[in-house]
Amino acid sequence: MTKKIVLVSGGAGFIGSHVTVELIAAGYNVVVADNFSNCDNTCFEGVKKITGREDIPLEKVDFCDAEAARALFRKYPIDAVIHFAAFKAVGESVAQPLKYYKNNLQSFMNVLEAAQQQGGCQVLFSSSATVYGEPDQVPVTEQSPRKPATSPYGNTKQMCEDILQDTVKASGGRIKGILLRYFNPIGAHPSALIGELPRGVPNNLVPFITQTAIGKRECLSIFGNDYPTPDGTCLRDYIDIVDLAKAHVYAVTRMVEGKMKADCEIFNIGTGRPVSVLELVNAFEKVNGLKLNYKFAPRRSGDVTAIWADPSLANRELGWKATRTVEETLQAAWAWEKHLAGKD
């Protein structure tokens, strides 16, 4: 059987690079496309080392350019696309909503339009637990109502979900879709050759932790310690990046092998275990034998109090399960930070 070709848009970034590694390990041909607005070549070079492949196609493409997206689909006979190309910082989206609406919606619509013009393909959309807003009940299932988004970023995820579902419905079977709703991806590849590499000040917790630990940042701010949770800090479902990446392989395989039970499916990708922000900080200190300089700061706009997944549908239907422990994940994150600093 000919190897299937998977386009990974935004594939040079944190999640995209890990997904590329797992797709190649599973026997797929991968085309990586990125505009490098929020990353550099570091992770792509790491992917080549991990996979032993120097021949992975890398295309510099801004998916907000409709013609560039169409050209990519003309150049490669794409069987499936995994769409990551989006801005993703909650706080920044609150401050700059138009930047988020323009980029996140336009880029995805251009991908769908290009896929449509080439006769269709399978589309896996990188969605988010933010679509559940401030949930009524936890854990959330795929049937939990989507609540009003607490940020423009979350709103773009809801809108893109709707756009994909409507496009699938109108395509007459030529486009099928899976929405993967991620919870909180953290960590790095066990090789320490790829990981999270934010530009400027990190918006996510773990790179801020590791940068504080290595002395790049003076102090870690924990936003809010007055939430109605056991220790006053937010509760989240932290999922190892490699576990998350593997979920994409299971989902793509389900699509290309024609095993979907509906033309558009939704899966929560999480561990099902809530961990507070403070617990995560303490676990990092313990597992790596370090003491972190941190302080509590006022709550941050757009943050929900508590959310974690019921991942049983993905466990059952995709045959996928998160297996790595928080401790393993935090060790890998620290190994990656040390690798970046040349201290490994």
Protein backbone atom coordinates (compact mmCIF):
# COMPACT_ATOMS: atom_id res chain seq x y z
CA MET A 1 0.00 0.00 0.00
CA THR A 2 1.31 3.48 -0.88
CA LYS A 3 2.28 5.52 2.14
CA LYS A 4 -0.31 8.16 2.94
CA ILE A 5 0.80 11.79 2.83
CA VAL A 6 -0.09 13.94 5.83
CA LEU A 7 0.30 17.72 5.75
CA VAL A 8 1.12 19.18 9.17
CA SER A 9 0.34 22.91 9.09
CA GLY A 10 2.23 24.76 11.81
CA GLY A 11 4.39 21.63 11.90
CA ALA A 12 7.63 23.27 13.06
CA GLY A 13 6.16 24.29 16.42
CA PHE A 14 5.87 22.51 19.78
CA ILE A 15 2.95 20.17 19.12
CA GLY A 16 3.50 19.91 15.35
CA SER A 17 7.09 18.69 15.72
CA HIS A 18 6.13 15.93 18.17
CA VAL A 19 3.23 14.86 15.94
CA THR A 20 5.59 14.75 12.93
CA VAL A 21 7.93 12.38 14.82
CA GLU A 22 5.06 10.02 15.72
CA LEU A 23 3.56 10.09 12.21
CA ILE A 24 6.92 9.17 10.66
CA ALA A 25 7.37 6.39 13.24
CA ALA A 26 3.95 5.05 12.20
CA GLY A 27 4.95 4.94 8.52
CA TYR A 28 3.34 8.10 7.15
CA ASN A 29 4.95 10.53 4.71
CA VAL A 30 4.81 13.97 6.29
CA VAL A 31 4.94 17.42 4.70
CA VAL A 32 5.72 20.11 7.29
CA ALA A 33 4.49 23.64 6.55
CA ASP A 34 5.01 26.69 8.78
CA ASN A 35 5.39 30.45 8.47
CA PHE A 36 7.82 30.51 11.45
CA SER A 37 5.96 33.41 13.08
CA ASN A 38 6.16 31.72 16.48
CA CYS A 39 9.07 29.28 16.13
CA ASP A 40 12.41 28.78 14.43
CA ASN A 41 14.12 25.74 12.87
CA THR A 42 15.25 24.26 16.20
CA CYS A 43 12.47 21.68 16.57
CA PHE A 44 12.44 20.77 12.87
CA GLU A 45 16.18 20.01 13.08
CA GLY A 46 15.45 17.94 16.20
CA VAL A 47 12.76 15.99 14.32
CA LYS A 48 15.31 15.09 11.63
CA LYS A 49 17.75 13.81 14.27
CA ILE A 50 15.12 11.75 16.11
CA THR A 51 13.72 10.18 12.94
CA GLY A 52 17.06 9.87 11.13
CA ARG A 53 15.37 11.50 8.13
CA GLU A 54 16.99 14.38 6.26
CA ASP A 55 14.39 14.28 3.48
CA ILE A 56 11.27 15.56 5.31
CA PRO A 57 9.71 18.23 3.07
CA LEU A 58 9.58 21.64 4.79
CA GLU A 59 7.54 24.38 3.15
CA LYS A 60 7.56 27.99 4.35
CA VAL A 61 3.88 28.88 4.01
CA ASP A 62 1.60 31.46 5.58
CA PHE A 63 -1.83 29.84 5.49
CA CYS A 64 -3.46 33.27 5.61
CA ASP A 65 -2.30 33.47 1.97
CA ALA A 66 -5.01 31.55 0.09
CA GLU A 67 -2.91 31.07 -3.06
CA ALA A 68 0.04 29.70 -1.04
CA ALA A 69 -2.30 27.17 0.60
CA ARG A 70 -3.72 26.13 -2.79
CA ALA A 71 -0.20 25.78 -4.26
CA LEU A 72 0.74 23.39 -1.47
CA PHE A 73 -2.22 21.13 -2.22
CA ARG A 74 -1.35 21.21 -5.93
CA LYS A 75 2.28 20.28 -5.19
CA TYR A 76 1.55 17.27 -2.95
CA PRO A 77 -1.23 14.63 -3.23
CA ILE A 78 -2.33 15.20 0.37
CA ASP A 79 -4.45 12.46 1.98
CA ALA A 80 -4.92 14.18 5.34
CA VAL A 81 -4.10 17.50 6.93
CA ILE A 82 -3.51 18.19 10.62
CA HIS A 83 -4.09 21.89 11.22
CA PHE A 84 -2.04 23.55 13.97
CA ALA A 85 -1.28 26.89 12.30
CA ALA A 86 -2.83 29.33 14.80
CA PHE A 87 -1.96 31.84 17.48
CA LYS A 88 -2.56 30.30 20.89
CA ALA A 89 -1.91 32.61 23.84
CA VAL A 90 -5.08 33.22 25.87
CA GLY A 91 -3.89 36.47 27.48
CA GLU A 92 -2.60 37.93 24.22
CA SER A 93 -5.91 37.12 22.51
CA VAL A 94 -7.76 39.16 25.14
CA ALA A 95 -5.44 42.12 24.45
CA GLN A 96 -5.35 41.67 20.65
CA PRO A 97 -8.60 40.01 19.55
CA LEU A 98 -8.45 41.09 15.90
CA LYS A 99 -5.02 39.51 15.46
CA TYR A 100 -6.48 36.19 16.64
CA TYR A 101 -9.72 36.30 14.63
CA LYS A 102 -7.91 37.26 11.44
CA ASN A 103 -5.14 34.68 11.68
CA ASN A 104 -6.90 31.69 13.22
CA LEU A 105 -10.05 31.82 11.11
CA GLN A 106 -8.52 32.86 7.79
CA SER A 107 -5.73 30.28 7.87
CA PHE A 108 -8.14 27.42 8.57
CA MET A 109 -10.67 28.50 5.94
CA ASN A 110 -7.87 28.69 3.37
CA VAL A 111 -6.78 25.13 4.20
CA LEU A 112 -10.34 23.84 3.86
CA GLU A 113 -10.87 25.70 0.60
CA ALA A 114 -7.60 24.35 -0.83
CA ALA A 115 -8.55 20.81 0.24
CA GLN A 116 -11.96 21.24 -1.36
CA GLN A 117 -10.49 22.46 -4.65
CA GLN A 118 -8.21 19.41 -4.79
CA GLY A 119 -11.19 17.07 -4.47
CA GLY A 120 -11.21 16.76 -0.69
CA CYS A 121 -9.19 15.08 2.05
CA GLN A 122 -9.32 14.14 5.72
CA VAL A 123 -8.98 17.08 8.11
CA LEU A 124 -7.87 16.81 11.73
CA PHE A 125 -8.40 20.07 13.60
CA SER A 126 -6.33 20.99 16.63
CA SER A 127 -9.03 22.20 19.01
CA SER A 128 -8.94 22.92 22.71
CA ALA A 129 -10.63 22.43 26.06
CA THR A 130 -11.21 26.19 26.01
CA VAL A 131 -14.35 25.47 23.92
CA TYR A 132 -16.02 24.27 27.15
CA GLY A 133 -15.56 27.71 28.74
CA GLU A 134 -16.17 27.65 32.51
CA PRO A 135 -17.81 24.19 32.69
CA ASP A 136 -20.87 23.40 34.82
CA GLN A 137 -19.48 19.98 35.72
CA VAL A 138 -16.08 18.32 35.65
CA PRO A 139 -14.74 16.18 34.16
CA VAL A 140 -16.06 17.31 30.78
CA THR A 141 -17.19 14.82 28.15
CA GLU A 142 -17.61 15.46 24.43
CA GLN A 143 -21.32 15.96 25.18
CA SER A 144 -20.64 18.71 27.73
CA PRO A 145 -22.11 21.96 26.43
CA ARG A 146 -19.78 24.43 24.79
CA LYS A 147 -20.06 27.47 27.02
CA PRO A 148 -19.32 31.07 25.99
CA ALA A 149 -15.56 31.23 25.44
CA THR A 150 -13.61 33.11 28.10
CA SER A 151 -11.17 34.53 25.51
CA PRO A 152 -11.00 35.39 21.80
CA TYR A 153 -8.56 32.46 21.45
CA GLY A 154 -11.19 30.07 22.80
CA ASN A 155 -13.78 31.70 20.58
CA THR A 156 -11.67 31.06 17.46
CA LYS A 157 -11.49 27.38 18.42
CA GLN A 158 -15.28 27.20 18.73
CA MET A 159 -15.73 29.00 15.42
CA CYS A 160 -13.23 26.77 13.62
CA GLU A 161 -15.02 23.69 14.96
CA ASP A 162 -18.27 25.04 13.50
CA ILE A 163 -16.58 25.90 10.19
CA LEU A 164 -15.20 22.36 9.87
CA GLN A 165 -18.51 20.72 10.78
CA ASP A 166 -20.42 22.86 8.27
CA THR A 167 -17.81 22.23 5.55
CA VAL A 168 -17.92 18.46 6.15
CA LYS A 169 -21.72 18.53 5.96
CA ALA A 170 -21.68 20.41 2.67
CA SER A 171 -18.88 18.37 1.06
CA GLY A 172 -20.88 15.26 0.18
CA GLY A 173 -18.33 13.00 1.83
CA ARG A 174 -15.27 14.52 0.12
CA ILE A 175 -14.06 16.10 3.36
CA LYS A 176 -14.25 14.28 6.68
CA GLY A 177 -13.10 15.72 9.96
CA ILE A 178 -11.98 14.94 13.49
CA LEU A 179 -11.82 17.58 16.22
CA LEU A 180 -9.28 16.79 18.93
CA ARG A 181 -9.94 18.89 22.02
CA TYR A 182 -6.62 19.08 23.88
CA PHE A 183 -6.33 19.86 27.52
CA ASN A 184 -2.89 21.14 28.65
CA PRO A 185 0.03 19.74 26.64
CA ILE A 186 3.33 19.90 28.53
CA GLY A 187 6.78 18.32 28.51
CA ALA A 188 9.22 17.40 25.76
CA HIS A 189 10.40 14.42 23.77
CA PRO A 190 12.41 11.96 25.93
CA SER A 191 15.42 12.54 23.64
CA ALA A 192 15.46 16.22 24.75
CA LEU A 193 15.90 17.13 21.06
CA ILE A 194 12.48 18.79 20.70
CA GLY A 195 10.22 20.59 23.16
CA GLU A 196 8.39 23.83 23.83
CA LEU A 197 10.34 26.85 22.64
CA PRO A 198 8.31 30.04 23.06
CA ARG A 199 9.47 33.32 21.59
CA GLY A 200 9.92 35.99 24.24
CA VAL A 201 8.16 35.63 27.59
CA PRO A 202 6.37 32.26 27.78
CA ASN A 203 2.57 32.28 27.99
CA ASN A 204 2.42 28.66 29.17
CA LEU A 205 3.26 27.46 32.66
CA VAL A 206 5.90 24.76 32.12
CA PRO A 207 8.34 26.74 29.92
CA PHE A 208 8.07 29.55 32.48
CA ILE A 209 8.89 27.03 35.22
CA THR A 210 11.91 25.63 33.36
CA GLN A 211 13.18 29.07 32.33
CA THR A 212 12.93 30.22 35.96
CA ALA A 213 14.75 27.08 37.13
CA ILE A 214 17.63 27.64 34.72
CA GLY A 215 17.92 31.35 35.63
CA LYS A 216 16.52 32.81 32.41
CA ARG A 217 13.54 34.26 34.32
CA GLU A 218 13.85 35.80 37.76
CA CYS A 219 10.57 34.64 39.21
CA LEU A 220 7.56 32.52 38.27
CA SER A 221 4.15 34.16 38.76
CA ILE A 222 1.26 31.88 39.71
CA PHE A 223 -1.87 33.73 38.62
CA GLY A 224 -4.44 33.53 41.39
CA ASN A 225 -4.35 31.59 44.68
CA ASP A 226 -7.91 32.45 45.69
CA TYR A 227 -9.82 30.11 43.39
CA PRO A 228 -12.41 27.74 44.97
CA THR A 229 -10.03 24.74 44.66
CA PRO A 230 -8.19 22.72 47.35
CA ASP A 231 -5.05 24.91 47.27
CA GLY A 232 -6.55 28.05 45.71
CA THR A 233 -4.82 27.61 42.33
CA CYS A 234 -6.46 26.54 39.05
CA LEU A 235 -7.01 22.84 38.31
CA ARG A 236 -5.92 21.55 34.91
CA ASP A 237 -5.49 18.31 32.98
CA TYR A 238 -1.79 18.26 32.05
CA ILE A 239 -1.06 15.81 29.25
CA ASP A 240 2.38 14.69 28.11
CA ILE A 241 3.22 16.01 24.65
CA VAL A 242 4.25 12.56 23.36
CA ASP A 243 0.96 11.04 24.56
CA LEU A 244 -0.87 13.88 22.81
CA ALA A 245 1.14 13.39 19.61
CA LYS A 246 0.30 9.68 19.54
CA ALA A 247 -3.41 10.50 19.74
CA HIS A 248 -3.06 12.27 16.37
CA VAL A 249 -1.62 9.13 14.78
CA TYR A 250 -4.56 7.06 16.06
CA ALA A 251 -7.01 9.69 14.78
CA VAL A 252 -5.39 10.03 11.33
CA THR A 253 -5.27 6.25 10.94
CA ARG A 254 -8.95 6.03 11.84
CA MET A 255 -9.68 8.58 9.10
CA VAL A 256 -7.55 7.19 6.28
CA GLU A 257 -8.62 3.60 6.98
CA GLY A 258 -12.31 4.62 6.75
CA LYS A 259 -13.16 3.60 10.31
CA MET A 260 -14.99 6.78 11.33
CA LYS A 261 -18.54 6.31 12.60
CA ALA A 262 -19.61 9.79 11.47
CA ASP A 263 -18.28 12.26 8.91
CA CYS A 264 -17.12 14.54 11.74
CA GLU A 265 -16.07 13.20 15.14
CA ILE A 266 -14.95 14.85 18.39
CA PHE A 267 -12.56 13.47 21.02
CA ASN A 268 -11.22 14.86 24.30
CA ILE A 269 -7.48 14.28 24.57
CA GLY A 270 -6.47 14.41 28.22
CA THR A 271 -5.50 12.22 31.15
CA GLY A 272 -8.67 12.55 33.24
CA ARG A 273 -6.55 13.54 36.27
CA PRO A 274 -6.82 17.09 37.66
CA VAL A 275 -3.57 18.66 38.89
CA SER A 276 -3.39 22.16 40.36
CA VAL A 277 -0.88 24.76 39.20
CA LEU A 278 0.79 24.67 42.62
CA GLU A 279 0.92 20.86 42.61
CA LEU A 280 2.66 20.97 39.22
CA VAL A 281 5.23 23.46 40.50
CA ASN A 282 5.87 21.31 43.60
CA ALA A 283 6.15 18.16 41.47
CA PHE A 284 8.72 19.86 39.22
CA GLU A 285 10.81 20.86 42.24
CA LYS A 286 10.63 17.38 43.76
CA VAL A 287 11.38 15.29 40.67
CA ASN A 288 14.27 17.50 39.52
CA GLY A 289 15.70 18.30 42.98
CA LEU A 290 15.32 22.05 42.51
CA LYS A 291 13.89 25.01 44.38
CA LEU A 292 11.90 27.49 42.31
CA ASN A 293 11.52 31.18 42.97
CA TYR A 294 7.78 31.81 42.60
CA LYS A 295 5.16 34.24 43.83
CA PHE A 296 1.39 34.50 43.68
CA ALA A 297 -0.02 37.18 41.37
CA PRO A 298 -3.56 38.40 40.65
CA ARG A 299 -5.83 36.21 38.54
CA ARG A 300 -5.29 36.36 34.80
CA SER A 301 -8.06 37.36 32.39
CA GLY A 302 -9.50 34.40 30.46
CA ASP A 303 -8.48 31.64 32.91
CA VAL A 304 -11.14 29.15 34.04
CA THR A 305 -11.16 27.78 37.59
CA ALA A 306 -11.07 24.04 36.94
CA ILE A 307 -11.26 21.81 33.89
CA TRP A 308 -10.18 18.29 33.15
CA ALA A 309 -11.17 15.64 30.65
CA ASP A 310 -13.21 12.51 30.64
CA PRO A 311 -11.06 10.80 27.96
CA SER A 312 -13.03 7.53 27.90
CA LEU A 313 -14.42 8.06 24.37
CA ALA A 314 -10.91 8.48 22.92
CA ASN A 315 -9.71 5.51 24.99
CA ARG A 316 -12.51 3.35 23.61
CA GLU A 317 -12.89 4.55 20.01
CA LEU A 318 -9.32 5.48 19.11
CA GLY A 319 -7.69 2.77 21.22
CA TRP A 320 -5.48 5.53 22.66
CA LYS A 321 -4.63 6.24 26.28
CA ALA A 322 -2.31 8.70 28.04
CA THR A 323 0.42 6.65 29.74
CA ARG A 324 3.22 8.97 30.83
CA THR A 325 3.30 10.26 34.41
CA VAL A 326 3.51 13.92 35.41
CA GLU A 327 6.94 13.16 36.93
CA GLU A 328 8.30 11.71 33.65
CA THR A 329 6.88 14.68 31.76
CA LEU A 330 8.47 17.26 34.07
CA GLN A 331 11.83 15.46 33.92
CA ALA A 332 11.67 15.60 30.11
CA ALA A 333 10.76 19.32 30.18
CA TRP A 334 13.79 20.05 32.38
CA ALA A 335 16.10 17.91 30.18
CA TRP A 336 14.94 19.93 27.15
CA GLU A 337 15.60 23.27 28.90
CA LYS A 338 19.10 22.08 29.84
CA HIS A 339 19.67 20.91 26.25
CA LEU A 340 18.74 24.39 24.98
CA ALA A 341 21.20 25.93 27.42
CA GLY A 342 23.93 23.47 26.39
CA LYS A 343 23.98 21.95 29.87
CA ASP A 344 22.91 18.41 29.00
